[in-house]
N, C-alpha and C. Protein backbone atom coordinates (compact mmCIF):
# COMPACT_ATOMS: atom_id res chain seq x y z
N MET A 1 130.57 44.56 49.28
CA MET A 1 131.50 44.81 50.36
C MET A 1 131.77 46.31 50.41
N ASN A 2 131.61 46.90 51.58
CA ASN A 2 131.81 48.33 51.74
C ASN A 2 133.20 48.64 52.27
N ALA A 3 133.75 49.72 51.79
CA ALA A 3 135.04 50.18 52.28
C ALA A 3 134.81 51.08 53.47
N SER A 4 135.65 50.93 54.50
CA SER A 4 135.60 51.87 55.62
C SER A 4 136.65 52.95 55.43
N ALA A 5 137.62 52.68 54.54
CA ALA A 5 138.67 53.66 54.23
C ALA A 5 139.34 53.25 52.92
N TYR A 6 140.12 54.17 52.41
CA TYR A 6 140.98 53.91 51.26
C TYR A 6 142.37 54.38 51.62
N LYS A 7 143.38 53.71 51.06
CA LYS A 7 144.76 54.17 51.23
C LYS A 7 145.26 54.61 49.86
N LEU A 8 145.60 55.88 49.76
CA LEU A 8 146.18 56.42 48.54
C LEU A 8 147.69 56.44 48.72
N SER A 9 148.40 55.82 47.80
CA SER A 9 149.86 55.81 47.82
C SER A 9 150.36 56.47 46.55
N TRP A 10 151.47 57.19 46.65
CA TRP A 10 152.07 57.81 45.48
C TRP A 10 153.58 57.79 45.62
N LYS A 11 154.23 57.75 44.47
CA LYS A 11 155.68 57.75 44.43
C LYS A 11 156.13 58.41 43.14
N GLU A 12 157.34 58.92 43.15
CA GLU A 12 157.91 59.43 41.92
C GLU A 12 158.33 58.25 41.05
N TYR A 13 158.10 58.35 39.74
CA TYR A 13 158.55 57.33 38.81
C TYR A 13 160.05 57.50 38.61
N PRO A 14 160.89 56.52 38.69
CA PRO A 14 160.69 55.09 38.82
C PRO A 14 161.02 54.55 40.21
N GLN A 15 160.86 55.31 41.27
CA GLN A 15 161.16 54.81 42.62
C GLN A 15 160.35 53.55 42.93
N PRO A 16 160.87 52.71 43.83
CA PRO A 16 160.11 51.52 44.23
C PRO A 16 158.94 51.89 45.15
N TRP A 17 157.93 51.02 45.22
CA TRP A 17 156.77 51.29 46.08
C TRP A 17 157.16 51.37 47.55
N SER A 18 158.29 50.78 47.92
CA SER A 18 158.72 50.85 49.32
C SER A 18 159.03 52.29 49.75
N GLU A 19 159.25 53.18 48.79
CA GLU A 19 159.52 54.59 49.08
C GLU A 19 158.28 55.47 48.92
N ALA A 20 157.13 54.84 48.69
CA ALA A 20 155.89 55.60 48.46
C ALA A 20 155.41 56.27 49.73
N GLN A 21 154.69 57.36 49.55
CA GLN A 21 154.02 58.03 50.66
C GLN A 21 152.56 57.60 50.64
N ASP A 22 151.93 57.58 51.81
CA ASP A 22 150.54 57.12 51.93
C ASP A 22 149.68 58.17 52.60
N LYS A 23 148.40 58.15 52.27
CA LYS A 23 147.41 58.98 52.94
C LYS A 23 146.17 58.13 53.14
N LEU A 24 145.68 58.04 54.37
CA LEU A 24 144.49 57.27 54.68
C LEU A 24 143.26 58.17 54.52
N ILE A 25 142.27 57.69 53.80
CA ILE A 25 141.05 58.45 53.53
C ILE A 25 139.90 57.69 54.17
N HIS A 26 139.34 58.24 55.24
CA HIS A 26 138.23 57.58 55.93
C HIS A 26 136.92 57.87 55.19
N VAL A 27 136.08 56.85 55.09
CA VAL A 27 134.79 56.97 54.41
C VAL A 27 133.76 57.38 55.45
N SER A 28 133.03 58.46 55.17
CA SER A 28 132.00 58.92 56.10
C SER A 28 130.76 58.04 55.99
N SER A 29 129.89 58.11 56.98
CA SER A 29 128.67 57.30 56.94
C SER A 29 127.78 57.69 55.77
N THR A 30 127.82 58.94 55.36
CA THR A 30 127.04 59.39 54.20
C THR A 30 127.54 58.70 52.93
N MET A 31 128.86 58.61 52.78
CA MET A 31 129.42 57.98 51.59
C MET A 31 129.15 56.48 51.61
N SER A 32 129.28 55.84 52.76
CA SER A 32 129.08 54.40 52.79
C SER A 32 127.62 54.03 52.59
N ALA A 33 126.70 54.97 52.83
CA ALA A 33 125.29 54.71 52.60
C ALA A 33 124.93 54.86 51.12
N GLY A 34 125.91 55.21 50.28
CA GLY A 34 125.67 55.29 48.85
C GLY A 34 125.14 56.63 48.38
N VAL A 35 125.21 57.65 49.23
CA VAL A 35 124.70 58.96 48.84
C VAL A 35 125.61 59.58 47.78
N THR A 36 126.88 59.33 47.87
CA THR A 36 127.82 59.85 46.87
C THR A 36 128.83 58.76 46.54
N ASP A 37 129.35 58.79 45.34
CA ASP A 37 130.35 57.80 44.97
C ASP A 37 131.68 58.46 44.60
N LYS A 38 131.86 59.71 45.03
CA LYS A 38 133.08 60.43 44.71
C LYS A 38 133.81 60.81 46.00
N ILE A 39 135.12 60.73 45.93
CA ILE A 39 135.97 61.13 47.04
C ILE A 39 136.97 62.13 46.48
N ARG A 40 137.13 63.22 47.18
CA ARG A 40 138.12 64.21 46.78
C ARG A 40 139.17 64.28 47.88
N VAL A 41 140.42 64.20 47.48
CA VAL A 41 141.52 64.24 48.44
C VAL A 41 142.65 65.09 47.87
N SER A 42 143.31 65.82 48.73
CA SER A 42 144.43 66.66 48.32
C SER A 42 145.73 66.03 48.78
N VAL A 43 146.75 66.14 47.95
CA VAL A 43 148.08 65.68 48.29
C VAL A 43 149.01 66.88 48.15
N ASP A 44 149.73 67.17 49.20
CA ASP A 44 150.63 68.32 49.20
C ASP A 44 152.05 67.91 48.83
N ASP A 45 152.85 68.89 48.51
CA ASP A 45 154.29 68.73 48.29
C ASP A 45 154.65 67.91 47.05
N LEU A 46 153.78 67.88 46.04
CA LEU A 46 154.15 67.24 44.78
C LEU A 46 154.97 68.24 43.97
N LEU A 47 155.94 67.73 43.23
CA LEU A 47 156.84 68.58 42.47
C LEU A 47 156.32 68.77 41.05
N PRO A 48 156.30 70.01 40.55
CA PRO A 48 155.87 70.25 39.17
C PRO A 48 156.78 69.52 38.18
N SER A 49 156.23 69.14 37.05
CA SER A 49 156.96 68.47 35.96
C SER A 49 157.58 67.14 36.39
N THR A 50 156.98 66.49 37.38
CA THR A 50 157.46 65.21 37.87
C THR A 50 156.40 64.15 37.58
N THR A 51 156.82 62.98 37.13
CA THR A 51 155.89 61.89 36.87
C THR A 51 155.70 61.09 38.15
N TYR A 52 154.43 60.85 38.51
CA TYR A 52 154.08 60.09 39.71
C TYR A 52 153.29 58.84 39.34
N CYS A 53 153.44 57.82 40.16
CA CYS A 53 152.61 56.61 40.08
C CYS A 53 151.69 56.64 41.29
N LEU A 54 150.43 56.27 41.07
CA LEU A 54 149.43 56.28 42.14
C LEU A 54 148.90 54.87 42.37
N ARG A 55 148.50 54.61 43.61
CA ARG A 55 147.86 53.33 43.94
C ARG A 55 146.76 53.63 44.95
N LEU A 56 145.57 53.10 44.72
CA LEU A 56 144.43 53.28 45.62
C LEU A 56 143.98 51.91 46.08
N ILE A 57 143.95 51.71 47.40
CA ILE A 57 143.62 50.41 47.97
C ILE A 57 142.41 50.57 48.90
N MET A 58 141.42 49.68 48.74
CA MET A 58 140.25 49.69 49.61
C MET A 58 140.58 48.96 50.90
N ILE A 59 140.08 49.50 52.03
CA ILE A 59 140.29 48.89 53.35
C ILE A 59 138.93 48.64 53.97
N ASP A 60 138.71 47.40 54.46
CA ASP A 60 137.42 47.08 55.07
C ASP A 60 137.41 47.45 56.55
N ALA A 61 136.28 47.22 57.23
CA ALA A 61 136.11 47.61 58.63
C ALA A 61 137.09 46.89 59.55
N SER A 62 137.61 45.74 59.14
CA SER A 62 138.58 44.99 59.95
C SER A 62 140.02 45.43 59.70
N GLY A 63 140.22 46.36 58.77
CA GLY A 63 141.55 46.84 58.46
C GLY A 63 142.27 46.05 57.38
N ASN A 64 141.55 45.15 56.71
CA ASN A 64 142.15 44.35 55.64
C ASN A 64 142.19 45.14 54.34
N GLU A 65 143.33 45.11 53.67
CA GLU A 65 143.45 45.73 52.35
C GLU A 65 142.86 44.77 51.33
N LEU A 66 141.95 45.29 50.49
CA LEU A 66 141.15 44.42 49.63
C LEU A 66 141.42 44.57 48.14
N GLY A 67 142.55 45.06 47.78
CA GLY A 67 142.86 45.19 46.37
C GLY A 67 143.18 46.63 46.04
N GLY A 68 143.39 46.89 44.80
CA GLY A 68 143.71 48.24 44.40
C GLY A 68 144.26 48.26 43.00
N PHE A 69 144.87 49.34 42.66
CA PHE A 69 145.49 49.48 41.35
C PHE A 69 146.98 49.21 41.49
N SER A 70 147.50 48.53 40.52
CA SER A 70 148.92 48.20 40.51
C SER A 70 149.53 48.74 39.23
N TYR A 71 150.76 49.21 39.32
CA TYR A 71 151.46 49.74 38.15
C TYR A 71 152.74 48.96 37.95
N ARG A 72 152.90 48.41 36.78
CA ARG A 72 154.17 47.76 36.43
C ARG A 72 154.93 48.73 35.54
N GLU A 73 156.20 48.88 35.79
CA GLU A 73 156.95 49.93 35.14
C GLU A 73 157.10 49.72 33.64
N SER A 74 156.86 48.51 33.15
CA SER A 74 156.93 48.28 31.70
C SER A 74 155.60 48.59 31.02
N ASP A 75 154.54 48.79 31.81
CA ASP A 75 153.23 49.09 31.25
C ASP A 75 153.03 50.59 31.10
N THR A 76 152.06 50.95 30.29
CA THR A 76 151.72 52.37 30.14
C THR A 76 150.38 52.68 30.79
N SER A 77 149.78 51.71 31.48
CA SER A 77 148.47 51.94 32.10
C SER A 77 148.39 51.22 33.43
N PHE A 78 147.38 51.56 34.21
CA PHE A 78 147.14 50.90 35.48
C PHE A 78 146.29 49.67 35.25
N LYS A 79 146.40 48.70 36.15
CA LYS A 79 145.66 47.46 36.04
C LYS A 79 144.98 47.20 37.38
N LEU A 80 143.68 46.91 37.36
CA LEU A 80 142.94 46.59 38.57
C LEU A 80 143.27 45.18 38.99
N ILE A 81 143.68 45.02 40.28
CA ILE A 81 144.01 43.67 40.78
C ILE A 81 143.06 43.27 41.87
C-alpha cells in the first residue's frame, strides 16, 4: 500500500494530542515510485529545551489515515500501531 501523504503531528509534553500541531507532507511521484525512502521536513517555532512528542501517520490516495506512531505518557518509547 502506497502513501500519498503523511501527517506529522507534534505537541509539547505533556499536552494532550488535541492541542497538537500538524503538517501535511505530500509524497512526490519520484518517492512513491520507490526511488527514495527518505523524507525530510522542517518544523518551525519549536522551543529550545522543550520536550516534544511526535506522531507520523500515513495517508492513502483516498485520504484515509492508515496508522502511525502512538505515544502513551507512561511509556518511554514510541509504539507502532
